Protein backbone atom coordinates (compact mmCIF):
# COMPACT_ATOMS: atom_id res chain seq x y z
CA MET A 1 -14.69 -32.64 3.45
CA SER A 2 -14.80 -31.54 7.16
CA ILE A 3 -13.16 -28.05 7.84
CA GLY A 4 -10.86 -29.63 10.09
CA ARG A 5 -9.56 -32.16 7.29
CA ALA A 6 -9.20 -29.26 4.69
CA PHE A 7 -6.54 -27.70 6.57
CA ALA A 8 -4.62 -30.75 6.75
CA HIS A 9 -5.20 -31.36 2.95
CA LEU A 10 -4.15 -27.66 2.27
CA ALA A 11 -0.88 -28.34 4.36
CA ASP A 12 -0.15 -31.55 2.61
CA GLU A 13 -0.66 -29.63 -0.80
CA ALA A 14 1.91 -26.90 0.12
CA PRO A 15 3.34 -27.11 3.58
CA ASP A 16 5.50 -24.25 3.33
CA ALA A 17 3.16 -21.82 2.00
CA VAL A 18 2.15 -18.93 4.24
CA ALA A 19 -1.56 -19.50 5.69
CA VAL A 20 -1.88 -16.41 7.60
CA ARG A 21 0.25 -13.49 8.99
CA CYS A 22 -0.39 -10.56 11.37
CA GLY A 23 2.30 -8.10 11.65
CA ASP A 24 5.54 -9.79 12.22
CA ASP A 25 3.86 -13.02 13.29
CA ALA A 26 3.26 -15.64 10.46
CA LEU A 27 2.08 -19.35 10.06
CA THR A 28 2.99 -21.80 7.31
CA ARG A 29 -0.16 -24.04 6.30
CA ARG A 30 1.83 -27.00 8.10
CA GLU A 31 2.47 -24.75 11.24
CA LEU A 32 -1.36 -23.54 11.32
CA ASP A 33 -1.96 -27.33 10.95
CA LEU A 34 -0.02 -28.43 13.74
CA ALA A 35 -0.69 -25.58 16.16
CA SER A 36 -4.31 -26.22 15.88
CA ASN A 37 -3.95 -29.88 16.61
CA ARG A 38 -2.17 -29.09 19.50
CA VAL A 39 -4.60 -26.66 21.03
CA ALA A 40 -7.52 -29.17 19.89
CA HIS A 41 -5.83 -31.85 22.09
CA GLY A 42 -5.75 -29.27 24.91
CA TRP A 43 -9.49 -28.59 24.47
CA ALA A 44 -10.51 -32.00 24.04
CA ASP A 45 -12.01 -32.75 27.61
CA ARG A 46 -13.98 -29.43 27.57
CA VAL A 47 -15.38 -29.31 23.98
CA SER A 48 -17.74 -31.88 22.32
CA HIS A 49 -19.12 -32.06 18.90
CA ASP A 50 -21.64 -29.39 18.26
CA ASP A 51 -20.39 -27.17 21.06
CA LEU A 52 -20.13 -23.32 20.73
CA VAL A 53 -16.50 -22.02 21.50
CA THR A 54 -16.87 -18.14 22.21
CA ILE A 55 -13.75 -16.87 20.78
CA ALA A 56 -13.13 -13.18 22.18
CA LEU A 57 -9.88 -12.29 20.74
CA PRO A 58 -8.43 -9.56 18.58
CA ASN A 59 -7.21 -10.09 15.18
CA GLY A 60 -3.99 -12.08 15.13
CA THR A 61 -2.89 -15.63 14.57
CA ASP A 62 -4.08 -16.80 18.02
CA PHE A 63 -7.83 -15.98 16.52
CA VAL A 64 -7.29 -18.13 13.65
CA VAL A 65 -5.41 -20.94 15.45
CA ALA A 66 -8.45 -20.97 17.79
CA CYS A 67 -10.98 -21.25 14.87
CA VAL A 68 -9.46 -24.03 13.31
CA ALA A 69 -9.01 -25.92 16.67
CA ALA A 70 -12.77 -25.59 17.29
CA TRP A 71 -13.44 -27.24 14.11
CA LYS A 72 -11.15 -29.97 14.48
CA LEU A 73 -13.15 -30.83 17.61
CA GLY A 74 -16.50 -30.96 15.51
CA ALA A 75 -17.44 -27.51 17.44
CA THR A 76 -18.66 -24.35 16.16
CA PRO A 77 -16.55 -21.00 16.66
CA GLN A 78 -18.76 -17.92 17.72
CA PRO A 79 -16.73 -14.98 17.63
CA LEU A 80 -17.29 -12.24 19.91
CA SER A 81 -15.78 -8.77 20.24
CA PRO A 82 -13.30 -8.33 22.93
CA ARG A 83 -14.22 -4.94 23.38
CA ILE A 84 -17.85 -4.90 24.25
CA GLY A 85 -19.23 -4.13 27.60
CA ALA A 86 -19.37 -6.28 30.31
CA GLY A 87 -23.42 -6.32 30.08
CA GLU A 88 -23.71 -7.10 26.63
CA ARG A 89 -20.90 -9.78 26.89
CA ALA A 90 -22.88 -11.32 29.77
CA ALA A 91 -26.16 -11.43 27.78
CA ILE A 92 -24.48 -12.90 24.81
CA LEU A 93 -22.78 -15.68 26.83
CA ASP A 94 -25.96 -16.43 28.58
CA LEU A 95 -27.30 -17.06 25.15
CA ALA A 96 -24.44 -19.03 23.64
CA ARG A 97 -23.75 -21.13 26.68
CA PRO A 98 -20.28 -22.03 25.23
CA ALA A 99 -18.40 -25.07 26.19
CA MET A 100 -15.57 -22.40 26.86
CA VAL A 101 -14.51 -19.09 26.35
CA VAL A 102 -11.28 -18.29 24.89
CA ASP A 103 -10.04 -14.54 25.77
CA GLY A 104 -6.63 -15.30 26.53
CA PRO A 105 -3.45 -16.73 25.40
CA VAL A 106 -4.16 -19.84 23.41
CA ASP A 107 -2.23 -22.47 24.70
CA GLY A 108 -2.10 -26.20 23.68
CA SER A 109 -0.66 -29.58 24.45
CA ASP A 110 2.46 -31.23 23.02
CA ASP A 111 0.14 -33.50 21.11
CA ASP A 112 0.12 -32.32 17.30
CA SER A 113 -1.20 -35.56 15.96
CA PRO A 114 -4.25 -35.42 13.63
CA LEU A 115 -7.66 -35.53 15.58
CA PRO A 116 -10.78 -38.04 14.47
CA ASP A 117 -12.52 -36.46 11.55
CA ARG A 118 -15.61 -34.30 12.88
CA ALA A 119 -17.89 -31.58 11.57
CA ALA A 120 -20.30 -29.44 13.42
CA SER A 121 -23.84 -29.20 11.91
CA SER A 122 -23.04 -25.63 12.09
CA TRP A 123 -20.04 -23.94 10.58
CA LYS A 124 -20.06 -20.60 12.55
CA ALA A 125 -22.09 -18.57 15.08
CA PRO A 126 -21.56 -14.68 14.91
CA THR A 127 -23.39 -12.14 16.97
CA SER A 128 -25.52 -9.63 15.10
CA SER A 129 -27.69 -6.68 16.36
CA GLY A 130 -27.22 -4.38 13.03
CA SER A 131 -26.64 -0.71 14.13
CA THR A 132 -29.39 -0.86 16.89
CA GLY A 133 -31.48 -3.48 18.85
CA ARG A 134 -30.76 -6.45 21.24
CA PRO A 135 -27.42 -8.54 20.25
CA LYS A 136 -28.39 -11.83 18.89
CA ILE A 137 -26.61 -15.16 17.54
CA VAL A 138 -26.78 -16.20 14.01
CA ARG A 139 -26.34 -19.96 13.83
CA ALA A 140 -25.34 -20.90 10.14
CA ALA A 141 -27.38 -23.91 8.95
CA ALA A 142 -24.45 -24.93 6.77
CA ALA A 143 -22.34 -27.65 8.34
CA ALA A 144 -18.74 -27.22 8.91
CA THR A 145 -17.78 -28.80 5.46
CA VAL A 146 -15.86 -27.18 2.50
CA ASP A 147 -14.26 -28.02 -0.79
CA PRO A 148 -10.92 -26.84 -0.28
CA ALA A 149 -10.40 -26.60 -4.12
CA GLY A 150 -13.78 -24.65 -4.78
CA ALA A 151 -14.16 -21.00 -4.70
CA VAL A 152 -15.61 -18.85 -1.89
CA ALA A 153 -18.33 -17.15 -3.90
CA PRO A 154 -18.23 -16.34 -7.72
CA PHE A 155 -17.28 -12.81 -7.14
CA VAL A 156 -14.24 -13.84 -5.18
CA PRO A 157 -10.88 -15.00 -6.83
CA ARG A 158 -10.19 -18.71 -6.34
CA ARG A 159 -6.89 -18.29 -4.86
CA ALA A 160 -5.76 -15.07 -3.40
CA VAL A 161 -3.43 -13.06 -1.23
CA GLN A 162 -6.38 -11.62 0.89
CA LEU A 163 -5.66 -8.31 3.01
CA VAL A 164 -8.24 -8.62 6.10
CA ALA A 165 -8.93 -5.32 7.05
CA GLY A 166 -11.80 -5.47 9.17
CA PRO A 167 -12.13 -7.14 12.80
CA LEU A 168 -12.41 -10.98 12.49
CA PHE A 169 -14.95 -10.95 15.32
CA HIS A 170 -17.79 -9.54 12.86
CA ALA A 171 -19.45 -11.49 10.62
CA ALA A 172 -18.46 -10.12 7.05
CA PRO A 173 -14.47 -10.11 7.69
CA PHE A 174 -14.99 -13.56 9.44
CA VAL A 175 -16.92 -15.21 6.62
CA TYR A 176 -14.48 -14.07 3.41
CA ALA A 177 -11.12 -14.55 5.61
CA MET A 178 -12.09 -18.09 7.02
CA ARG A 179 -13.73 -19.37 4.11
CA GLY A 180 -10.68 -17.84 2.09
CA LEU A 181 -8.41 -19.63 4.41
CA MET A 182 -9.97 -23.11 3.90
CA THR A 183 -9.89 -22.79 0.25
CA GLY A 184 -6.16 -21.89 -0.06
CA HIS A 185 -5.90 -17.79 0.31
CA GLU A 186 -2.88 -16.38 2.20
CA LEU A 187 -4.53 -14.07 4.73
CA VAL A 188 -2.70 -10.61 5.52
CA VAL A 189 -4.47 -9.63 8.76
CA MET A 190 -4.47 -6.05 10.19
CA ARG A 191 -4.63 -5.85 14.02
CA ARG A 192 -6.85 -2.47 13.62
CA PHE A 193 -7.38 -0.89 10.41
CA ASP A 194 -5.66 2.22 9.44
CA ALA A 195 -5.65 3.56 5.78
CA GLU A 196 -2.20 4.00 5.08
CA GLU A 197 -1.11 0.91 6.62
CA ALA A 198 -3.74 -1.05 4.27
CA LEU A 199 -1.84 0.52 1.20
CA ARG A 200 1.23 -0.48 2.39
CA ALA A 201 0.17 -4.10 3.07
CA VAL A 202 -1.12 -4.21 -0.47
CA GLU A 203 2.17 -3.40 -1.77
CA ARG A 204 4.35 -5.19 0.63
CA HIS A 205 2.66 -8.73 0.61
CA HIS A 206 1.26 -8.06 -3.21
CA VAL A 207 -2.29 -8.41 -2.00
CA THR A 208 -4.81 -9.18 -4.74
CA TRP A 209 -8.04 -9.18 -3.10
CA THR A 210 -9.57 -7.46 -0.14
CA MET A 211 -13.10 -6.82 1.48
CA LEU A 212 -13.57 -3.10 2.65
CA VAL A 213 -16.75 -1.24 4.21
CA PRO A 214 -17.24 2.27 2.79
CA THR A 215 -15.89 3.79 6.07
CA MET A 216 -12.39 2.34 5.31
CA MET A 217 -12.89 3.56 1.65
CA HIS A 218 -13.53 7.09 2.68
CA ARG A 219 -10.57 6.95 5.02
CA ILE A 220 -8.12 5.72 2.29
CA TRP A 221 -9.64 8.46 0.23
CA ARG A 222 -8.99 11.20 2.47
CA LEU A 223 -5.32 10.21 2.38
CA GLY A 224 -5.07 12.25 -0.91
CA GLU A 225 -3.91 11.43 -4.00
CA SER A 226 -0.23 11.97 -3.29
CA VAL A 227 -0.20 9.55 -0.57
CA ARG A 228 -2.40 6.98 -2.57
CA GLU A 229 0.10 7.27 -5.63
CA ALA A 230 3.19 6.76 -3.15
CA HIS A 231 2.01 2.89 -2.95
CA ASP A 232 1.87 0.39 -5.61
CA VAL A 233 -1.37 -1.34 -5.48
CA SER A 234 -1.14 -2.36 -9.02
CA SER A 235 -1.43 -6.42 -7.63
CA LEU A 236 -4.97 -5.85 -6.40
CA GLU A 237 -7.46 -7.69 -8.76
CA SER A 238 -10.36 -7.00 -6.86
CA VAL A 239 -12.07 -4.91 -4.17
CA LEU A 240 -15.46 -6.09 -2.65
CA HIS A 241 -17.21 -3.66 -0.50
CA LEU A 242 -20.13 -4.01 1.53
CA GLY A 243 -21.79 -3.21 5.06
CA ALA A 244 -23.30 0.04 4.00
CA ARG A 245 -24.48 2.15 1.46
CA CYS A 246 -21.43 3.87 -0.42
CA ALA A 247 -21.76 7.36 -1.30
CA PRO A 248 -21.90 7.73 -5.23
CA TRP A 249 -19.15 10.36 -5.31
CA LEU A 250 -16.91 7.80 -3.10
CA LYS A 251 -17.67 4.88 -5.41
CA ARG A 252 -17.26 6.66 -8.52
CA SER A 253 -13.74 7.72 -7.04
CA TRP A 254 -12.57 4.48 -6.54
CA ILE A 255 -13.89 2.95 -9.68
CA GLU A 256 -11.84 6.04 -11.53
CA TRP A 257 -8.75 4.96 -9.25
CA LEU A 258 -8.68 1.39 -9.54
CA GLY A 259 -10.96 0.82 -12.88
CA PRO A 260 -14.40 -0.51 -12.85
CA ASP A 261 -13.34 -4.37 -13.35
CA ARG A 262 -11.67 -3.98 -10.06
CA VAL A 263 -14.54 -2.57 -7.84
CA VAL A 264 -17.34 -4.90 -6.75
CA GLU A 265 -20.12 -4.30 -4.51
CA VAL A 266 -22.32 -7.02 -2.50
CA TYR A 267 -25.40 -6.37 -0.75
CA ALA A 268 -26.37 -9.21 2.19
CA GLY A 269 -26.97 -9.67 5.47
CA THR A 270 -25.15 -11.86 8.26
CA GLU A 271 -27.84 -14.37 7.93
CA SER A 272 -27.22 -14.95 4.00
CA GLN A 273 -31.01 -15.00 3.16
CA GLY A 274 -30.49 -13.37 0.06
CA LEU A 275 -27.72 -11.49 -1.74
CA THR A 276 -27.05 -9.13 -4.70
CA MET A 277 -23.91 -8.26 -6.59
CA ILE A 278 -22.81 -5.35 -8.93
CA THR A 279 -19.57 -4.91 -10.82
CA GLY A 280 -18.11 -1.38 -11.17
CA ARG A 281 -18.69 -1.39 -15.10
CA ASP A 282 -22.57 -2.26 -14.19
CA TRP A 283 -22.56 0.28 -11.45
CA LEU A 284 -21.56 3.04 -13.96
CA GLU A 285 -24.65 2.39 -16.05
CA ARG A 286 -26.82 2.29 -12.77
CA PRO A 287 -25.15 4.49 -10.25
CA GLY A 288 -26.19 3.75 -6.57
CA SER A 289 -27.76 0.44 -7.48
CA VAL A 290 -26.20 -2.70 -5.34
CA GLY A 291 -26.92 -5.17 -8.21
CA ARG A 292 -29.11 -8.04 -9.20
CA ALA A 293 -29.92 -11.13 -6.99
CA VAL A 294 -27.12 -13.93 -7.57
CA SER A 295 -26.61 -17.25 -5.68
CA GLY A 296 -30.13 -18.54 -5.91
CA SER A 297 -31.39 -15.37 -4.26
CA ARG A 298 -34.62 -13.49 -4.83
CA PHE A 299 -35.58 -10.05 -4.09
CA ARG A 300 -38.97 -7.90 -4.05
CA VAL A 301 -39.95 -4.33 -3.15
CA LEU A 302 -43.23 -4.17 -1.30
CA ARG A 303 -45.50 -1.48 -0.31
CA ALA A 304 -46.91 -0.85 3.10
CA ASP A 305 -49.89 -2.83 2.39
CA GLY A 306 -47.67 -6.14 1.18
CA THR A 307 -48.28 -5.61 -2.19
CA THR A 308 -45.23 -5.64 -4.74
CA ALA A 309 -44.02 -2.12 -5.52
CA ALA A 310 -43.78 -1.10 -9.27
CA PRO A 311 -40.34 -0.90 -10.72
CA GLY A 312 -38.84 2.49 -9.14
CA GLU A 313 -41.20 2.86 -6.77
CA PRO A 314 -39.81 2.55 -2.99
CA GLY A 315 -40.61 0.06 -0.23
CA GLU A 316 -39.51 -2.58 2.14
CA VAL A 317 -36.65 -4.92 0.65
CA VAL A 318 -37.51 -8.59 1.25
CA MET A 319 -35.74 -11.66 0.09
CA ARG A 320 -35.41 -15.34 -0.04
CA ARG A 321 -32.96 -17.98 -1.21
CA ASP A 322 -33.41 -21.35 -2.90
CA GLY A 323 -32.96 -24.25 -0.79
CA PRO A 324 -32.96 -25.05 2.88
CA PRO A 325 -32.78 -22.21 5.55
CA THR A 326 -29.35 -20.46 5.80
CA TYR A 327 -29.57 -19.85 9.48
CA SER A 328 -31.28 -19.85 12.73
CA TYR A 329 -31.38 -17.16 15.57
CA VAL A 330 -30.35 -17.84 19.44
CA GLY A 331 -32.13 -14.97 21.42
CA ALA A 332 -34.56 -13.80 18.52
CA GLU A 333 -36.97 -14.86 16.04
CA SER A 334 -36.72 -14.29 12.26
CA VAL A 335 -38.56 -11.84 10.50
CA VAL A 336 -40.13 -13.96 7.97
CA ARG A 337 -43.41 -13.52 5.95
CA ASP A 338 -44.71 -16.04 3.42
CA GLY A 339 -40.93 -17.31 3.27
CA TRP A 340 -39.65 -13.92 2.45
CA HIS A 341 -36.94 -12.30 4.80
CA THR A 342 -36.02 -8.74 5.55
CA LEU A 343 -33.03 -6.68 6.94
CA GLY A 344 -35.42 -3.83 7.56
CA ASP A 345 -34.24 -1.76 4.58
CA ALA A 346 -36.09 0.48 2.16
CA GLY A 347 -35.20 0.40 -1.53
CA ARG A 348 -36.30 0.21 -5.00
CA MET A 349 -35.93 -2.18 -7.90
CA ASP A 350 -36.02 -1.40 -11.58
CA ALA A 351 -37.77 -3.35 -14.41
CA ASP A 352 -34.31 -5.38 -14.85
CA GLY A 353 -34.14 -6.54 -11.26
CA TYR A 354 -31.31 -3.95 -9.91
CA LEU A 355 -31.95 -3.23 -6.38
CA TRP A 356 -31.48 0.43 -4.68
CA ILE A 357 -31.18 0.33 -0.76
CA ASP A 358 -32.22 4.07 0.29
CA ASP A 359 -31.76 3.54 4.15
CA ARG A 360 -32.97 1.44 6.93
CA LEU A 361 -36.68 1.80 7.64
CA ASP A 362 -36.15 2.65 11.29
CA ASP A 363 -33.51 5.41 10.42
CA VAL A 364 -35.78 7.56 7.92
CA ILE A 365 -36.61 10.87 9.27
CA VAL A 366 -40.15 12.43 8.70
CA THR A 367 -39.78 16.15 8.99
CA GLY A 368 -42.74 18.44 8.12
CA GLY A 369 -44.13 15.59 6.50
CA VAL A 370 -41.14 15.04 4.41
CA LYS A 371 -39.20 11.95 4.47
CA VAL A 372 -35.51 12.16 4.48
CA GLN A 373 -32.80 9.31 4.27
CA PRO A 374 -30.14 9.89 6.58
CA ALA A 375 -27.63 8.36 4.32
CA ASP A 376 -28.44 10.81 1.37
CA VAL A 377 -27.15 13.73 3.83
CA GLU A 378 -24.18 11.96 5.33
CA ALA A 379 -22.96 11.18 1.84
CA VAL A 380 -22.91 15.12 1.33
CA LEU A 381 -21.47 15.80 4.63
CA GLU A 382 -18.59 13.13 3.97
CA GLU A 383 -17.72 14.64 0.70
CA HIS A 384 -16.33 17.57 2.43
CA PRO A 385 -12.46 17.43 2.37
CA GLN A 386 -12.34 18.08 6.39
CA VAL A 387 -15.01 15.67 7.49
CA ARG A 388 -13.97 12.12 8.29
CA SER A 389 -17.41 10.62 8.87
CA ALA A 390 -20.86 11.67 9.84
CA VAL A 391 -24.16 10.49 11.37
CA VAL A 392 -27.59 11.74 10.87
CA VAL A 393 -30.25 11.43 13.33
CA PRO A 394 -33.70 12.67 13.83
CA ARG A 395 -34.09 15.26 16.81
CA SER A 396 -37.36 16.23 18.25
CA ASP A 397 -39.12 19.14 16.93
CA GLU A 398 -42.38 20.85 18.24
CA VAL A 399 -43.10 22.48 14.58
CA ARG A 400 -41.81 19.62 12.31
CA GLY A 401 -42.15 16.55 14.69
CA GLN A 402 -38.63 15.68 13.85
CA ALA A 403 -35.94 17.66 12.71
CA VAL A 404 -32.52 16.62 11.01
CA HIS A 405 -29.70 16.58 13.24
CA ALA A 406 -26.06 15.97 12.17
CA VAL A 407 -23.03 14.69 14.15
CA VAL A 408 -19.76 15.41 12.35
CA ASP A 409 -16.44 14.04 12.97
CA VAL A 410 -14.01 16.49 11.72
CA ALA A 411 -10.95 14.56 13.12
CA ALA A 412 -8.14 17.37 13.23
CA GLY A 413 -9.90 19.88 10.70
CA SER A 414 -10.74 23.60 11.63
CA VAL A 415 -14.21 23.69 9.71
CA THR A 416 -17.04 24.92 11.33
CA THR A 417 -20.61 24.40 11.80
CA ASP A 418 -21.47 27.63 9.88
CA GLU A 419 -19.29 26.49 7.12
CA LEU A 420 -20.88 22.80 7.19
CA ASP A 421 -24.25 24.60 7.02
CA VAL A 422 -23.25 26.68 3.98
CA TRP A 423 -21.94 23.38 2.35
CA ALA A 424 -24.79 21.30 3.02
CA ARG A 425 -27.21 24.11 1.68
CA ALA A 426 -25.67 24.44 -1.61
CA ARG A 427 -25.90 20.65 -2.09
CA LEU A 428 -28.99 19.47 -0.38
CA ASP A 429 -32.99 20.11 -0.64
CA PRO A 430 -34.05 22.70 2.57
CA GLU A 431 -35.76 19.41 3.96
CA LYS A 432 -32.61 17.53 4.10
CA THR A 433 -30.31 20.16 5.08
CA PRO A 434 -29.50 19.78 9.00
CA ARG A 435 -31.17 22.02 11.69
CA SER A 436 -28.59 21.15 14.21
CA TRP A 437 -25.10 20.22 14.30
CA GLU A 438 -22.74 18.55 16.77
CA LEU A 439 -18.92 18.48 16.03
CA THR A 440 -16.52 15.92 17.20
CA ARG A 441 -13.18 14.60 16.76
CA GLU A 442 -13.75 11.11 17.87
CA PRO A 443 -14.73 8.34 15.20
CA LEU A 444 -18.42 7.82 14.93
CA ARG A 445 -18.37 4.52 13.40
CA ASP A 446 -16.46 1.06 14.26
CA ASP A 447 -13.85 -0.57 11.57
CA THR A 448 -17.04 -2.41 10.09
CA GLY A 449 -18.97 1.14 9.67
CA LYS A 450 -21.47 0.36 12.12
CA VAL A 451 -22.84 2.62 14.01
CA ARG A 452 -25.51 3.04 17.31
CA ARG A 453 -27.56 5.55 15.86
CA ARG A 454 -29.94 5.67 19.02
CA ALA A 455 -26.95 7.08 21.02
CA PHE A 456 -27.27 10.30 18.94
CA ARG A 457 -30.96 10.72 18.68
CA GLU A 458 -31.23 13.09 21.79
CA PRO A 459 -29.20 15.29 23.50
CA ALA A 460 -26.76 13.78 26.23
CA GLY A 461 -28.88 14.23 29.79
CA SER A 462 -32.41 14.86 28.05
């Protein structure tokens, strides 16, 4: 059925069940259904079938109501960060040409009657630029229809109290939150991610499922055992993580904390052109792997000449998915070769089809002829107890061509670059040890773990 009708169906099924809560705000299924009807009627003279509706709102119940209203009008929500700069915002809106931009209070009419049943040809159109590059809009090929009795994915619980820890205007939090909502999940939405508040929310609302990125996992782990143990997280049935490579020490720590059956990892892109999945139990047998293809996906690793790499041999990771295309770009061309797509990642695959991701191809540092994966160095630095996060980039070097440079967020810590250098040299090969350092007390990554590396590649003012 159409997504709009699914919300009415869920309201009829359990009108008083909480659909979404954020802070002190909460909407039952019936309240969400009626509120979105009012907003949709208020927008009806401006929004037509298959229009884009740009929703540039922070996390909250208004964001959810706006999306549901757009679906009920047969339109496509186009989530957009309210924090981006004016130039980037203007460029995205120029691509989207939305029927309207929702970036303030979500007001509606007095009419909460049902609307005509409509389904857009695309159910979502988030923006994506990865960690670098020009922003683009990723228009989903799937229509705005859903089975409200179905599951979001094989690795997501059928019914759940879902903690939404990331910003809804980013692709992955949007997909899992909204697909969960339209299949009966109760959403517990955080306005901004805070590590201890996330644990409080799990305990207070008996959260059963959540999606995190490794940055969030790292911040929760850095709270320390006493803080973690002070909160009851026994309601958690499963934690899904994705969005970046997870340091093996951090992944193992979470598996030891929650148990291997409650930690699941997925590798995928905004475009959904392929995905892998691995359980914590399988990961312990193949540390570092992101799993095997699921949901009709196929993966290969290619050499530079386009031939298939041998098991364990590094190369470019490419993927495809059975069936029709899963997306189209607005503002960019797909990178597709003979039906195979790429996210620009380097990796390896074993003989059983398990995939390892090494790093972004564009991020690899070649120093003195040796290839260095920044993620390897970042994982070691972030294991230091006084490091909140680290970003490793190349810097120009007359002798080596490139040298490894580390930007380290030490938060309130007192660690020095000399101490970090000793830590790194004891754990890294000489080629991987940073040659230069930069300390900061400001977060390097956003709430989804993304970082724009090019901002750190050369010294400011160079």
